[in-house]
Amino acid sequence: MPDRADIDPLDLPPAIWPNLLITEPAGDGVWRYRLVGSAHVERYGMDFTGKTLHDIMQGSYRDYMTHIYDAAFHDRLPVYSESVFRWDAAGFAMTRRLMLPLSHGETDRPALVFSIQVWPTAMPVQPRSITDISRSGGFKDGFFLRLDIESFQPLPDAGEDVGG
């Protein structure tokens, strides 16, 4: 597992920076956002740096996000996920994530989750807050795959579907 000190976001291609998220466990299944890229701020109309999943999300979407953060962190494996949610009255939108557990000084103990999240669908003119999207009926479904730490290929029987 890489250490946080091994990854300098400035060493990554600049096109990736807006899509970065770094989260840390904040106790009892709660995750706090330490770094939120500008694409997230633009997409959701707010900067949620320093806030927790519980502060900004609710319902089945929060449960799903907690589940995939927990999987990356506790299994100490990369996780790929996709989720679909109702963006507006016109229909659904999809997002994709790659989540990587990172240590912080102790190579055998995870401390953070480093994520890159992208949206293959166009952003509507009016951004909606993540709190709005996560309200009842906003989250449709999602899945995730645990990945081999060396090859980044899906592990056998390592995926889960999660419905909204």
C-alpha atoms as a PDB file:
ATOM      1  CA  MET A   1       0.000   0.000   0.000  1.00  0.00           C
ATOM      2  CA  PRO A   2       1.514   3.354  -0.953  1.00  0.00           C
ATOM      3  CA  ASP A   3       2.131   5.990   1.680  1.00  0.00           C
ATOM      4  CA  ARG A   4       0.485   9.416   1.435  1.00  0.00           C
ATOM      5  CA  ALA A   5       3.972  10.944   1.257  1.00  0.00           C
ATOM      6  CA  ASP A   6       4.627   8.921  -1.926  1.00  0.00           C
ATOM      7  CA  ILE A   7       1.861  10.707  -3.826  1.00  0.00           C
ATOM      8  CA  ASP A   8       2.184  14.365  -4.647  1.00  0.00           C
ATOM      9  CA  PRO A   9      -0.927  15.525  -6.523  1.00  0.00           C
ATOM     10  CA  LEU A  10       1.291  18.030  -8.364  1.00  0.00           C
ATOM     11  CA  ASP A  11       3.138  15.085  -9.950  1.00  0.00           C
ATOM     12  CA  LEU A  12      -0.135  13.939 -11.531  1.00  0.00           C
ATOM     13  CA  PRO A  13      -1.326  15.332 -14.866  1.00  0.00           C
ATOM     14  CA  PRO A  14      -3.096  18.681 -14.253  1.00  0.00           C
ATOM     15  CA  ALA A  15      -6.290  17.345 -15.874  1.00  0.00           C
ATOM     16  CA  ILE A  16      -6.658  14.951 -12.919  1.00  0.00           C
ATOM     17  CA  TRP A  17      -6.394  17.574 -10.148  1.00  0.00           C
ATOM     18  CA  PRO A  18     -10.015  18.808 -10.306  1.00  0.00           C
ATOM     19  CA  ASN A  19     -11.275  15.219  -9.915  1.00  0.00           C
ATOM     20  CA  LEU A  20      -9.302  14.314  -6.781  1.00  0.00           C
ATOM     21  CA  LEU A  21     -10.727  13.492  -3.382  1.00  0.00           C
ATOM     22  CA  ILE A  22      -8.823  12.517  -0.259  1.00  0.00           C
ATOM     23  CA  THR A  23     -10.856  11.176   2.649  1.00  0.00           C
ATOM     24  CA  GLU A  24     -10.015   9.926   6.099  1.00  0.00           C
ATOM     25  CA  PRO A  25     -11.933   7.889   8.644  1.00  0.00           C
ATOM     26  CA  ALA A  26     -13.541  10.121  11.258  1.00  0.00           C
ATOM     27  CA  GLY A  27     -14.726   7.286  13.528  1.00  0.00           C
ATOM     28  CA  ASP A  28     -17.583   4.820  13.565  1.00  0.00           C
ATOM     29  CA  GLY A  29     -18.070   4.441   9.795  1.00  0.00           C
ATOM     30  CA  VAL A  30     -17.897   8.191   9.154  1.00  0.00           C
ATOM     31  CA  TRP A  31     -15.622   9.598   6.421  1.00  0.00           C
ATOM     32  CA  ARG A  32     -14.240  13.169   6.325  1.00  0.00           C
ATOM     33  CA  TYR A  33     -13.171  14.903   3.106  1.00  0.00           C
ATOM     34  CA  ARG A  34      -9.633  16.310   3.452  1.00  0.00           C
ATOM     35  CA  LEU A  35      -9.237  17.421  -0.172  1.00  0.00           C
ATOM     36  CA  VAL A  36     -12.009  18.152  -2.665  1.00  0.00           C
ATOM     37  CA  GLY A  37     -11.072  18.944  -6.268  1.00  0.00           C
ATOM     38  CA  SER A  38     -12.623  21.861  -8.114  1.00  0.00           C
ATOM     39  CA  ALA A  39     -14.678  19.602 -10.435  1.00  0.00           C
ATOM     40  CA  HIS A  40     -16.558  18.355  -7.362  1.00  0.00           C
ATOM     41  CA  VAL A  41     -17.128  21.893  -6.111  1.00  0.00           C
ATOM     42  CA  GLU A  42     -18.454  22.905  -9.530  1.00  0.00           C
ATOM     43  CA  ARG A  43     -20.550  19.753  -9.987  1.00  0.00           C
ATOM     44  CA  TYR A  44     -22.241  19.946  -6.583  1.00  0.00           C
ATOM     45  CA  GLY A  45     -22.228  23.710  -6.044  1.00  0.00           C
ATOM     46  CA  MET A  46     -20.328  23.553  -2.750  1.00  0.00           C
ATOM     47  CA  ASP A  47     -16.880  22.875  -1.322  1.00  0.00           C
ATOM     48  CA  PHE A  48     -17.245  20.048   1.170  1.00  0.00           C
ATOM     49  CA  THR A  49     -13.604  19.997   2.315  1.00  0.00           C
ATOM     50  CA  GLY A  50     -13.597  19.274   6.067  1.00  0.00           C
ATOM     51  CA  LYS A  51     -17.150  17.909   6.016  1.00  0.00           C
ATOM     52  CA  THR A  52     -18.129  14.284   6.477  1.00  0.00           C
ATOM     53  CA  LEU A  53     -20.290  12.007   4.371  1.00  0.00           C
ATOM     54  CA  HIS A  54     -22.857  12.286   7.169  1.00  0.00           C
ATOM     55  CA  ASP A  55     -22.761  16.097   6.903  1.00  0.00           C
ATOM     56  CA  ILE A  56     -23.486  16.200   3.186  1.00  0.00           C
ATOM     57  CA  MET A  57     -25.229  12.950   2.203  1.00  0.00           C
ATOM     58  CA  GLN A  58     -28.197  10.965   3.373  1.00  0.00           C
ATOM     59  CA  GLY A  59     -30.107   7.783   2.677  1.00  0.00           C
ATOM     60  CA  SER A  60     -29.013   4.957   0.435  1.00  0.00           C
ATOM     61  CA  TYR A  61     -26.414   7.067  -1.421  1.00  0.00           C
ATOM     62  CA  ARG A  62     -24.586   7.795   1.842  1.00  0.00           C
ATOM     63  CA  ASP A  63     -24.807   4.089   2.720  1.00  0.00           C
ATOM     64  CA  TYR A  64     -23.354   3.174  -0.684  1.00  0.00           C
ATOM     65  CA  MET A  65     -20.505   5.682  -0.410  1.00  0.00           C
ATOM     66  CA  THR A  66     -19.705   4.549   3.137  1.00  0.00           C
ATOM     67  CA  HIS A  67     -19.668   0.946   1.923  1.00  0.00           C
ATOM     68  CA  ILE A  68     -17.182   1.572  -0.887  1.00  0.00           C
ATOM     69  CA  TYR A  69     -14.894   3.737   1.264  1.00  0.00           C
ATOM     70  CA  ASP A  70     -14.943   1.007   3.916  1.00  0.00           C
ATOM     71  CA  ALA A  71     -14.141  -1.649   1.282  1.00  0.00           C
ATOM     72  CA  ALA A  72     -11.064   0.213  -0.017  1.00  0.00           C
ATOM     73  CA  PHE A  73      -9.870   1.036   3.485  1.00  0.00           C
ATOM     74  CA  HIS A  74     -10.510  -2.193   5.408  1.00  0.00           C
ATOM     75  CA  ASP A  75      -9.653  -4.575   2.561  1.00  0.00           C
ATOM     76  CA  ARG A  76      -6.565  -2.470   1.736  1.00  0.00           C
ATOM     77  CA  LEU A  77      -7.335  -2.827  -1.968  1.00  0.00           C
ATOM     78  CA  PRO A  78      -8.046  -0.472  -4.856  1.00  0.00           C
ATOM     79  CA  VAL A  79     -11.776  -0.190  -5.598  1.00  0.00           C
ATOM     80  CA  TYR A  80     -13.451   0.774  -8.864  1.00  0.00           C
ATOM     81  CA  SER A  81     -17.074   1.898  -8.640  1.00  0.00           C
ATOM     82  CA  GLU A  82     -19.883   3.295 -10.741  1.00  0.00           C
ATOM     83  CA  SER A  83     -23.122   4.771  -9.496  1.00  0.00           C
ATOM     84  CA  VAL A  84     -26.230   6.199 -11.086  1.00  0.00           C
ATOM     85  CA  PHE A  85     -28.444   8.861  -9.525  1.00  0.00           C
ATOM     86  CA  ARG A  86     -31.220  11.196 -10.599  1.00  0.00           C
ATOM     87  CA  TRP A  87     -29.556  14.467 -11.533  1.00  0.00           C
ATOM     88  CA  ASP A  88     -32.738  16.277 -12.507  1.00  0.00           C
ATOM     89  CA  ALA A  89     -36.233  15.658 -13.880  1.00  0.00           C
ATOM     90  CA  ALA A  90     -34.751  14.835 -17.277  1.00  0.00           C
ATOM     91  CA  GLY A  91     -33.052  11.673 -16.130  1.00  0.00           C
ATOM     92  CA  PHE A  92     -30.139   9.935 -14.534  1.00  0.00           C
ATOM     93  CA  ALA A  93     -26.422  10.619 -14.499  1.00  0.00           C
ATOM     94  CA  MET A  94     -23.510   8.287 -13.872  1.00  0.00           C
ATOM     95  CA  THR A  95     -20.210   8.736 -12.074  1.00  0.00           C
ATOM     96  CA  ARG A  96     -17.091   6.554 -11.933  1.00  0.00           C
ATOM     97  CA  ARG A  97     -14.438   6.350  -9.232  1.00  0.00           C
ATOM     98  CA  LEU A  98     -11.087   4.743  -8.560  1.00  0.00           C
ATOM     99  CA  MET A  99     -10.297   4.616  -4.850  1.00  0.00           C
ATOM    100  CA  LEU A 100      -6.882   3.763  -3.442  1.00  0.00           C
ATOM    101  CA  PRO A 101      -6.091   3.157   0.225  1.00  0.00           C
ATOM    102  CA  LEU A 102      -3.008   5.006   1.470  1.00  0.00           C
ATOM    103  CA  SER A 103      -0.953   4.554   4.587  1.00  0.00           C
ATOM    104  CA  HIS A 104       0.520   7.458   6.507  1.00  0.00           C
ATOM    105  CA  GLY A 105       3.867   6.453   7.943  1.00  0.00           C
ATOM    106  CA  GLU A 106       2.922   2.831   8.659  1.00  0.00           C
ATOM    107  CA  THR A 107       2.998   0.851   5.418  1.00  0.00           C
ATOM    108  CA  ASP A 108       0.786  -1.969   6.695  1.00  0.00           C
ATOM    109  CA  ARG A 109      -1.980   0.246   8.105  1.00  0.00           C
ATOM    110  CA  PRO A 110      -4.357   2.319   5.944  1.00  0.00           C
ATOM    111  CA  ALA A 111      -4.947   5.935   6.939  1.00  0.00           C
ATOM    112  CA  LEU A 112      -6.649   7.627   3.952  1.00  0.00           C
ATOM    113  CA  VAL A 113      -8.488   6.914   0.727  1.00  0.00           C
ATOM    114  CA  PHE A 114      -7.256   8.714  -2.397  1.00  0.00           C
ATOM    115  CA  SER A 115      -9.926   8.909  -5.129  1.00  0.00           C
ATOM    116  CA  ILE A 116     -10.300  10.089  -8.674  1.00  0.00           C
ATOM    117  CA  GLN A 117     -13.926  10.603  -9.704  1.00  0.00           C
ATOM    118  CA  VAL A 118     -15.226  11.475 -13.167  1.00  0.00           C
ATOM    119  CA  TRP A 119     -18.637  11.988 -14.749  1.00  0.00           C
ATOM    120  CA  PRO A 120     -19.040  10.685 -18.299  1.00  0.00           C
ATOM    121  CA  THR A 121     -22.316  12.587 -18.656  1.00  0.00           C
ATOM    122  CA  ALA A 122     -22.481  16.326 -19.293  1.00  0.00           C
ATOM    123  CA  MET A 123     -23.110  18.601 -16.346  1.00  0.00           C
ATOM    124  CA  PRO A 124     -26.467  20.351 -16.397  1.00  0.00           C
ATOM    125  CA  VAL A 125     -26.617  24.121 -16.367  1.00  0.00           C
ATOM    126  CA  GLN A 126     -27.800  24.165 -12.757  1.00  0.00           C
ATOM    127  CA  PRO A 127     -25.556  22.228 -10.367  1.00  0.00           C
ATOM    128  CA  ARG A 128     -27.307  20.321  -7.568  1.00  0.00           C
ATOM    129  CA  SER A 129     -25.844  19.823  -4.132  1.00  0.00           C
ATOM    130  CA  ILE A 130     -24.746  16.361  -3.117  1.00  0.00           C
ATOM    131  CA  THR A 131     -27.242  16.629  -0.249  1.00  0.00           C
ATOM    132  CA  ASP A 132     -30.046  17.185  -2.755  1.00  0.00           C
ATOM    133  CA  ILE A 133     -28.952  14.298  -4.950  1.00  0.00           C
ATOM    134  CA  SER A 134     -28.748  11.894  -2.005  1.00  0.00           C
ATOM    135  CA  ARG A 135     -32.305  12.571  -0.832  1.00  0.00           C
ATOM    136  CA  SER A 136     -34.796   9.736  -1.079  1.00  0.00           C
ATOM    137  CA  GLY A 137     -35.173   8.572  -4.664  1.00  0.00           C
ATOM    138  CA  GLY A 138     -32.038  10.331  -5.922  1.00  0.00           C
ATOM    139  CA  PHE A 139     -29.720   7.326  -5.870  1.00  0.00           C
ATOM    140  CA  LYS A 140     -30.648   4.628  -8.364  1.00  0.00           C
ATOM    141  CA  ASP A 141     -27.923   2.012  -8.038  1.00  0.00           C
ATOM    142  CA  GLY A 142     -24.230   1.343  -8.036  1.00  0.00           C
ATOM    143  CA  PHE A 143     -21.639  -1.355  -8.000  1.00  0.00           C
ATOM    144  CA  PHE A 144     -18.016  -1.707  -7.083  1.00  0.00           C
ATOM    145  CA  LEU A 145     -15.154  -4.070  -7.735  1.00  0.00           C
ATOM    146  CA  ARG A 146     -12.199  -4.793  -5.521  1.00  0.00           C
ATOM    147  CA  LEU A 147      -9.054  -4.771  -7.662  1.00  0.00           C
ATOM    148  CA  ASP A 148      -5.806  -6.689  -7.484  1.00  0.00           C
ATOM    149  CA  ILE A 149      -3.196  -4.405  -5.969  1.00  0.00           C
ATOM    150  CA  GLU A 150      -0.583  -5.245  -8.626  1.00  0.00           C
ATOM    151  CA  SER A 151      -2.556  -5.618 -11.867  1.00  0.00           C
ATOM    152  CA  PHE A 152      -5.657  -3.520 -11.071  1.00  0.00           C
ATOM    153  CA  GLN A 153      -7.748  -6.328 -12.562  1.00  0.00           C
ATOM    154  CA  PRO A 154     -10.984  -7.289 -10.755  1.00  0.00           C
ATOM    155  CA  LEU A 155     -10.500  -9.960  -8.118  1.00  0.00           C
ATOM    156  CA  PRO A 156     -12.669 -13.089  -8.445  1.00  0.00           C
ATOM    157  CA  ASP A 157     -15.956 -12.643  -6.554  1.00  0.00           C
ATOM    158  CA  ALA A 158     -14.830  -9.196  -5.469  1.00  0.00           C
ATOM    159  CA  GLY A 159     -17.739  -7.111  -6.762  1.00  0.00           C
ATOM    160  CA  GLU A 160     -20.996  -5.995  -5.200  1.00  0.00           C
ATOM    161  CA  ASP A 161     -24.149  -4.399  -6.563  1.00  0.00           C
ATOM    162  CA  VAL A 162     -25.817  -1.854  -4.326  1.00  0.00           C
ATOM    163  CA  GLY A 163     -29.318  -0.570  -5.101  1.00  0.00           C
ATOM    164  CA  GLY A 164     -30.850   2.719  -4.068  1.00  0.00           C
END
